[in-house]
Amino acid sequence: NYEPANCRWATHAENNQNRTNNKLSMQKAEEIRKIYKAGGVFQRELGLSYGVSTVAIGKLINCEIW
């Protein structure tokens, strides 16, 4: 329902986070960064574990998304 009372301005990043087809929550994104920072795991492994692409993991780690 796009009535003015139901709408608000949001950045592109906020809109992406609010999408219904997002596979990751903010909590999972932080978890992935923490795991990767600790070392010993490849981006591909994280992608497989969380059901997202290696590209998405790379962008997440480099703070391009989330």
PDB file of N, CA and C in Angstrom:
ATOM      1  N   ASN A   1       0.841  -1.161   0.000  1.00  0.00           N
ATOM      2  CA  ASN A   1       0.000   0.000   0.000  1.00  0.00           C
ATOM      3  C   ASN A   1       0.898   1.239   0.000  1.00  0.00           C
ATOM      4  N   TYR A   2       0.900   1.974  -1.067  1.00  0.00           N
ATOM      5  CA  TYR A   2       1.803   3.110  -1.224  1.00  0.00           C
ATOM      6  C   TYR A   2       1.139   4.448  -0.931  1.00  0.00           C
ATOM      7  N   GLU A   3       0.317   4.511   0.084  1.00  0.00           N
ATOM      8  CA  GLU A   3      -0.242   5.786   0.520  1.00  0.00           C
ATOM      9  C   GLU A   3       0.873   6.600   1.160  1.00  0.00           C
ATOM     10  N   PRO A   4       0.811   7.916   1.075  1.00  0.00           N
ATOM     11  CA  PRO A   4       1.865   8.751   1.663  1.00  0.00           C
ATOM     12  C   PRO A   4       2.160   8.432   3.129  1.00  0.00           C
ATOM     13  N   ALA A   5       1.152   8.078   3.892  1.00  0.00           N
ATOM     14  CA  ALA A   5       1.356   7.770   5.308  1.00  0.00           C
ATOM     15  C   ALA A   5       2.183   6.502   5.509  1.00  0.00           C
ATOM     16  N   ASN A   6       2.210   5.631   4.505  1.00  0.00           N
ATOM     17  CA  ASN A   6       2.946   4.371   4.609  1.00  0.00           C
ATOM     18  C   ASN A   6       4.332   4.431   3.985  1.00  0.00           C
ATOM     19  N   CYS A   7       4.697   5.562   3.405  1.00  0.00           N
ATOM     20  CA  CYS A   7       5.967   5.674   2.685  1.00  0.00           C
ATOM     21  C   CYS A   7       6.967   6.512   3.469  1.00  0.00           C
ATOM     22  N   ARG A   8       8.240   6.237   3.245  1.00  0.00           N
ATOM     23  CA  ARG A   8       9.304   7.050   3.820  1.00  0.00           C
ATOM     24  C   ARG A   8      10.490   7.022   2.872  1.00  0.00           C
ATOM     25  N   TRP A   9      11.340   8.036   2.961  1.00  0.00           N
ATOM     26  CA  TRP A   9      12.549   8.076   2.145  1.00  0.00           C
ATOM     27  C   TRP A   9      13.574   7.132   2.750  1.00  0.00           C
ATOM     28  N   ALA A  10      14.273   6.422   1.896  1.00  0.00           N
ATOM     29  CA  ALA A  10      15.318   5.506   2.352  1.00  0.00           C
ATOM     30  C   ALA A  10      16.451   5.518   1.339  1.00  0.00           C
ATOM     31  N   THR A  11      17.642   5.220   1.829  1.00  0.00           N
ATOM     32  CA  THR A  11      18.787   5.133   0.930  1.00  0.00           C
ATOM     33  C   THR A  11      18.698   3.839   0.134  1.00  0.00           C
ATOM     34  N   HIS A  12      19.517   3.732  -0.891  1.00  0.00           N
ATOM     35  CA  HIS A  12      19.568   2.512  -1.694  1.00  0.00           C
ATOM     36  C   HIS A  12      19.927   1.320  -0.807  1.00  0.00           C
ATOM     37  N   ALA A  13      20.888   1.505   0.084  1.00  0.00           N
ATOM     38  CA  ALA A  13      21.309   0.417   0.977  1.00  0.00           C
ATOM     39  C   ALA A  13      20.163  -0.017   1.887  1.00  0.00           C
ATOM     40  N   GLU A  14      19.418   0.945   2.424  1.00  0.00           N
ATOM     41  CA  GLU A  14      18.279   0.610   3.284  1.00  0.00           C
ATOM     42  C   GLU A  14      17.207  -0.147   2.511  1.00  0.00           C
ATOM     43  N   ASN A  15      16.943   0.278   1.290  1.00  0.00           N
ATOM     44  CA  ASN A  15      15.962  -0.429   0.461  1.00  0.00           C
ATOM     45  C   ASN A  15      16.389  -1.866   0.213  1.00  0.00           C
ATOM     46  N   ASN A  16      17.667  -2.080  -0.070  1.00  0.00           N
ATOM     47  CA  ASN A  16      18.156  -3.435  -0.307  1.00  0.00           C
ATOM     48  C   ASN A  16      18.026  -4.299   0.936  1.00  0.00           C
ATOM     49  N   GLN A  17      18.271  -3.734   2.105  1.00  0.00           N
ATOM     50  CA  GLN A  17      18.165  -4.501   3.343  1.00  0.00           C
ATOM     51  C   GLN A  17      16.719  -4.862   3.659  1.00  0.00           C
ATOM     52  N   ASN A  18      15.785  -4.064   3.187  1.00  0.00           N
ATOM     53  CA  ASN A  18      14.370  -4.309   3.460  1.00  0.00           C
ATOM     54  C   ASN A  18      13.693  -5.210   2.436  1.00  0.00           C
ATOM     55  N   ARG A  19      14.433  -5.629   1.424  1.00  0.00           N
ATOM     56  CA  ARG A  19      13.842  -6.488   0.395  1.00  0.00           C
ATOM     57  C   ARG A  19      13.428  -7.821   0.997  1.00  0.00           C
ATOM     58  N   THR A  20      12.333  -8.351   0.518  1.00  0.00           N
ATOM     59  CA  THR A  20      11.829  -9.609   1.068  1.00  0.00           C
ATOM     60  C   THR A  20      12.636 -10.815   0.620  1.00  0.00           C
ATOM     61  N   ASN A  21      13.415 -10.678  -0.454  1.00  0.00           N
ATOM     62  CA  ASN A  21      14.182 -11.831  -0.919  1.00  0.00           C
ATOM     63  C   ASN A  21      15.620 -11.818  -0.407  1.00  0.00           C
ATOM     64  N   ASN A  22      15.910 -10.987   0.584  1.00  0.00           N
ATOM     65  CA  ASN A  22      17.234 -10.984   1.182  1.00  0.00           C
ATOM     66  C   ASN A  22      17.502 -12.315   1.852  1.00  0.00           C
ATOM     67  N   LYS A  23      18.673 -12.871   1.623  1.00  0.00           N
ATOM     68  CA  LYS A  23      19.030 -14.138   2.245  1.00  0.00           C
ATOM     69  C   LYS A  23      19.762 -13.928   3.558  1.00  0.00           C
ATOM     70  N   LEU A  24      20.297 -12.721   3.762  1.00  0.00           N
ATOM     71  CA  LEU A  24      21.064 -12.446   4.969  1.00  0.00           C
ATOM     72  C   LEU A  24      20.422 -11.336   5.787  1.00  0.00           C
ATOM     73  N   SER A  25      20.466 -11.502   7.085  1.00  0.00           N
ATOM     74  CA  SER A  25      20.049 -10.444   7.995  1.00  0.00           C
ATOM     75  C   SER A  25      21.301  -9.686   8.429  1.00  0.00           C
ATOM     76  N   MET A  26      21.121  -8.570   9.092  1.00  0.00           N
ATOM     77  CA  MET A  26      22.256  -7.817   9.607  1.00  0.00           C
ATOM     78  C   MET A  26      23.057  -8.682  10.579  1.00  0.00           C
ATOM     79  N   GLN A  27      22.356  -9.469  11.378  1.00  0.00           N
ATOM     80  CA  GLN A  27      23.015 -10.348  12.345  1.00  0.00           C
ATOM     81  C   GLN A  27      23.901 -11.374  11.628  1.00  0.00           C
ATOM     82  N   LYS A  28      23.393 -11.982  10.567  1.00  0.00           N
ATOM     83  CA  LYS A  28      24.183 -12.958   9.820  1.00  0.00           C
ATOM     84  C   LYS A  28      25.362 -12.287   9.128  1.00  0.00           C
ATOM     85  N   ALA A  29      25.151 -11.071   8.617  1.00  0.00           N
ATOM     86  CA  ALA A  29      26.234 -10.342   7.955  1.00  0.00           C
ATOM     87  C   ALA A  29      27.372 -10.080   8.929  1.00  0.00           C
ATOM     88  N   GLU A  30      27.041  -9.652  10.137  1.00  0.00           N
ATOM     89  CA  GLU A  30      28.062  -9.404  11.156  1.00  0.00           C
ATOM     90  C   GLU A  30      28.767 -10.697  11.543  1.00  0.00           C
ATOM     91  N   GLU A  31      28.003 -11.774  11.619  1.00  0.00           N
ATOM     92  CA  GLU A  31      28.557 -13.088  11.942  1.00  0.00           C
ATOM     93  C   GLU A  31      29.565 -13.523  10.875  1.00  0.00           C
ATOM     94  N   ILE A  32      29.215 -13.339   9.618  1.00  0.00           N
ATOM     95  CA  ILE A  32      30.104 -13.708   8.518  1.00  0.00           C
ATOM     96  C   ILE A  32      31.392 -12.904   8.583  1.00  0.00           C
ATOM     97  N   ARG A  33      31.283 -11.600   8.811  1.00  0.00           N
ATOM     98  CA  ARG A  33      32.488 -10.759   8.913  1.00  0.00           C
ATOM     99  C   ARG A  33      33.385 -11.233  10.049  1.00  0.00           C
ATOM    100  N   LYS A  34      32.775 -11.569  11.176  1.00  0.00           N
ATOM    101  CA  LYS A  34      33.527 -12.025  12.348  1.00  0.00           C
ATOM    102  C   LYS A  34      34.253 -13.337  12.044  1.00  0.00           C
ATOM    103  N   ILE A  35      33.558 -14.268  11.424  1.00  0.00           N
ATOM    104  CA  ILE A  35      34.155 -15.564  11.078  1.00  0.00           C
ATOM    105  C   ILE A  35      35.307 -15.365  10.103  1.00  0.00           C
ATOM    106  N   TYR A  36      35.093 -14.546   9.083  1.00  0.00           N
ATOM    107  CA  TYR A  36      36.129 -14.326   8.071  1.00  0.00           C
ATOM    108  C   TYR A  36      37.342 -13.631   8.672  1.00  0.00           C
ATOM    109  N   LYS A  37      37.095 -12.661   9.541  1.00  0.00           N
ATOM    110  CA  LYS A  37      38.187 -11.923  10.176  1.00  0.00           C
ATOM    111  C   LYS A  37      39.041 -12.839  11.053  1.00  0.00           C
ATOM    112  N   ALA A  38      38.414 -13.838  11.675  1.00  0.00           N
ATOM    113  CA  ALA A  38      39.140 -14.786  12.524  1.00  0.00           C
ATOM    114  C   ALA A  38      40.099 -15.647  11.709  1.00  0.00           C
ATOM    115  N   GLY A  39      39.820 -15.790  10.419  1.00  0.00           N
ATOM    116  CA  GLY A  39      40.704 -16.528   9.518  1.00  0.00           C
ATOM    117  C   GLY A  39      40.390 -18.010   9.450  1.00  0.00           C
ATOM    118  N   GLY A  40      41.055 -18.666   8.510  1.00  0.00           N
ATOM    119  CA  GLY A  40      40.916 -20.104   8.361  1.00  0.00           C
ATOM    120  C   GLY A  40      39.715 -20.565   7.558  1.00  0.00           C
ATOM    121  N   VAL A  41      38.981 -19.638   6.956  1.00  0.00           N
ATOM    122  CA  VAL A  41      37.825 -20.019   6.156  1.00  0.00           C
ATOM    123  C   VAL A  41      37.819 -19.192   4.869  1.00  0.00           C
ATOM    124  N   PHE A  42      37.480 -19.837   3.786  1.00  0.00           N
ATOM    125  CA  PHE A  42      37.435 -19.173   2.485  1.00  0.00           C
ATOM    126  C   PHE A  42      36.055 -18.566   2.240  1.00  0.00           C
ATOM    127  N   GLN A  43      36.026 -17.542   1.400  1.00  0.00           N
ATOM    128  CA  GLN A  43      34.761 -16.901   1.047  1.00  0.00           C
ATOM    129  C   GLN A  43      33.798 -17.904   0.426  1.00  0.00           C
ATOM    130  N   ARG A  44      34.328 -18.812  -0.373  1.00  0.00           N
ATOM    131  CA  ARG A  44      33.483 -19.824  -1.020  1.00  0.00           C
ATOM    132  C   ARG A  44      32.773 -20.687   0.029  1.00  0.00           C
ATOM    133  N   GLU A  45      33.509 -21.075   1.072  1.00  0.00           N
ATOM    134  CA  GLU A  45      32.922 -21.888   2.140  1.00  0.00           C
ATOM    135  C   GLU A  45      31.806 -21.127   2.862  1.00  0.00           C
ATOM    136  N   LEU A  46      32.051 -19.853   3.122  1.00  0.00           N
ATOM    137  CA  LEU A  46      31.026 -19.040   3.776  1.00  0.00           C
ATOM    138  C   LEU A  46      29.792 -18.917   2.890  1.00  0.00           C
ATOM    139  N   GLY A  47      30.012 -18.711   1.606  1.00  0.00           N
ATOM    140  CA  GLY A  47      28.896 -18.613   0.675  1.00  0.00           C
ATOM    141  C   GLY A  47      28.049 -19.873   0.663  1.00  0.00           C
ATOM    142  N   LEU A  48      28.707 -21.009   0.626  1.00  0.00           N
ATOM    143  CA  LEU A  48      27.978 -22.282   0.643  1.00  0.00           C
ATOM    144  C   LEU A  48      27.226 -22.469   1.959  1.00  0.00           C
ATOM    145  N   SER A  49      27.852 -22.107   3.064  1.00  0.00           N
ATOM    146  CA  SER A  49      27.226 -22.262   4.379  1.00  0.00           C
ATOM    147  C   SER A  49      25.993 -21.383   4.554  1.00  0.00           C
ATOM    148  N   TYR A  50      26.041 -20.183   3.981  1.00  0.00           N
ATOM    149  CA  TYR A  50      24.953 -19.225   4.176  1.00  0.00           C
ATOM    150  C   TYR A  50      24.017 -19.120   2.973  1.00  0.00           C
ATOM    151  N   GLY A  51      24.277 -19.897   1.933  1.00  0.00           N
ATOM    152  CA  GLY A  51      23.383 -19.919   0.780  1.00  0.00           C
ATOM    153  C   GLY A  51      23.430 -18.686  -0.091  1.00  0.00           C
ATOM    154  N   VAL A  52      24.615 -18.063  -0.161  1.00  0.00           N
ATOM    155  CA  VAL A  52      24.789 -16.890  -1.018  1.00  0.00           C
ATOM    156  C   VAL A  52      26.034 -17.092  -1.874  1.00  0.00           C
ATOM    157  N   SER A  53      26.194 -16.250  -2.871  1.00  0.00           N
ATOM    158  CA  SER A  53      27.331 -16.394  -3.780  1.00  0.00           C
ATOM    159  C   SER A  53      28.628 -15.919  -3.139  1.00  0.00           C
ATOM    160  N   THR A  54      29.724 -16.370  -3.713  1.00  0.00           N
ATOM    161  CA  THR A  54      31.044 -15.916  -3.285  1.00  0.00           C
ATOM    162  C   THR A  54      31.173 -14.411  -3.502  1.00  0.00           C
ATOM    163  N   VAL A  55      30.585 -13.914  -4.574  1.00  0.00           N
ATOM    164  CA  VAL A  55      30.604 -12.474  -4.859  1.00  0.00           C
ATOM    165  C   VAL A  55      29.907 -11.710  -3.732  1.00  0.00           C
ATOM    166  N   ALA A  56      28.764 -12.202  -3.283  1.00  0.00           N
ATOM    167  CA  ALA A  56      28.034 -11.547  -2.192  1.00  0.00           C
ATOM    168  C   ALA A  56      28.867 -11.539  -0.912  1.00  0.00           C
ATOM    169  N   ILE A  57      29.549 -12.642  -0.631  1.00  0.00           N
ATOM    170  CA  ILE A  57      30.408 -12.708   0.556  1.00  0.00           C
ATOM    171  C   ILE A  57      31.536 -11.697   0.436  1.00  0.00           C
ATOM    172  N   GLY A  58      32.154 -11.624  -0.728  1.00  0.00           N
ATOM    173  CA  GLY A  58      33.237 -10.668  -0.945  1.00  0.00           C
ATOM    174  C   GLY A  58      32.771  -9.236  -0.738  1.00  0.00           C
ATOM    175  N   LYS A  59      31.609  -8.907  -1.277  1.00  0.00           N
ATOM    176  CA  LYS A  59      31.068  -7.552  -1.118  1.00  0.00           C
ATOM    177  C   LYS A  59      30.722  -7.271   0.340  1.00  0.00           C
ATOM    178  N   LEU A  60      30.205  -8.260   1.022  1.00  0.00           N
ATOM    179  CA  LEU A  60      29.867  -8.107   2.429  1.00  0.00           C
ATOM    180  C   LEU A  60      31.131  -7.853   3.252  1.00  0.00           C
ATOM    181  N   ILE A  61      32.162  -8.642   3.025  1.00  0.00           N
ATOM    182  CA  ILE A  61      33.415  -8.505   3.762  1.00  0.00           C
ATOM    183  C   ILE A  61      34.060  -7.147   3.502  1.00  0.00           C
ATOM    184  N   ASN A  62      33.945  -6.656   2.280  1.00  0.00           N
ATOM    185  CA  ASN A  62      34.525  -5.358   1.920  1.00  0.00           C
ATOM    186  C   ASN A  62      33.579  -4.190   2.191  1.00  0.00           C
ATOM    187  N   CYS A  63      32.497  -4.464   2.897  1.00  0.00           N
ATOM    188  CA  CYS A  63      31.501  -3.449   3.296  1.00  0.00           C
ATOM    189  C   CYS A  63      30.871  -2.727   2.111  1.00  0.00           C
ATOM    190  N   GLU A  64      30.742  -3.412   0.990  1.00  0.00           N
ATOM    191  CA  GLU A  64      30.038  -2.848  -0.162  1.00  0.00           C
ATOM    192  C   GLU A  64      28.534  -3.073  -0.037  1.00  0.00           C
ATOM    193  N   ILE A  65      28.157  -4.095   0.729  1.00  0.00           N
ATOM    194  CA  ILE A  65      26.754  -4.345   1.065  1.00  0.00           C
ATOM    195  C   ILE A  65      26.679  -4.589   2.562  1.00  0.00           C
ATOM    196  N   TRP A  66      25.551  -4.370   3.123  1.00  0.00           N
ATOM    197  CA  TRP A  66      25.312  -4.513   4.549  1.00  0.00           C
ATOM    198  C   TRP A  66      26.292  -3.665   5.323  1.00  0.00           C
TER     199      TRP A  66
END
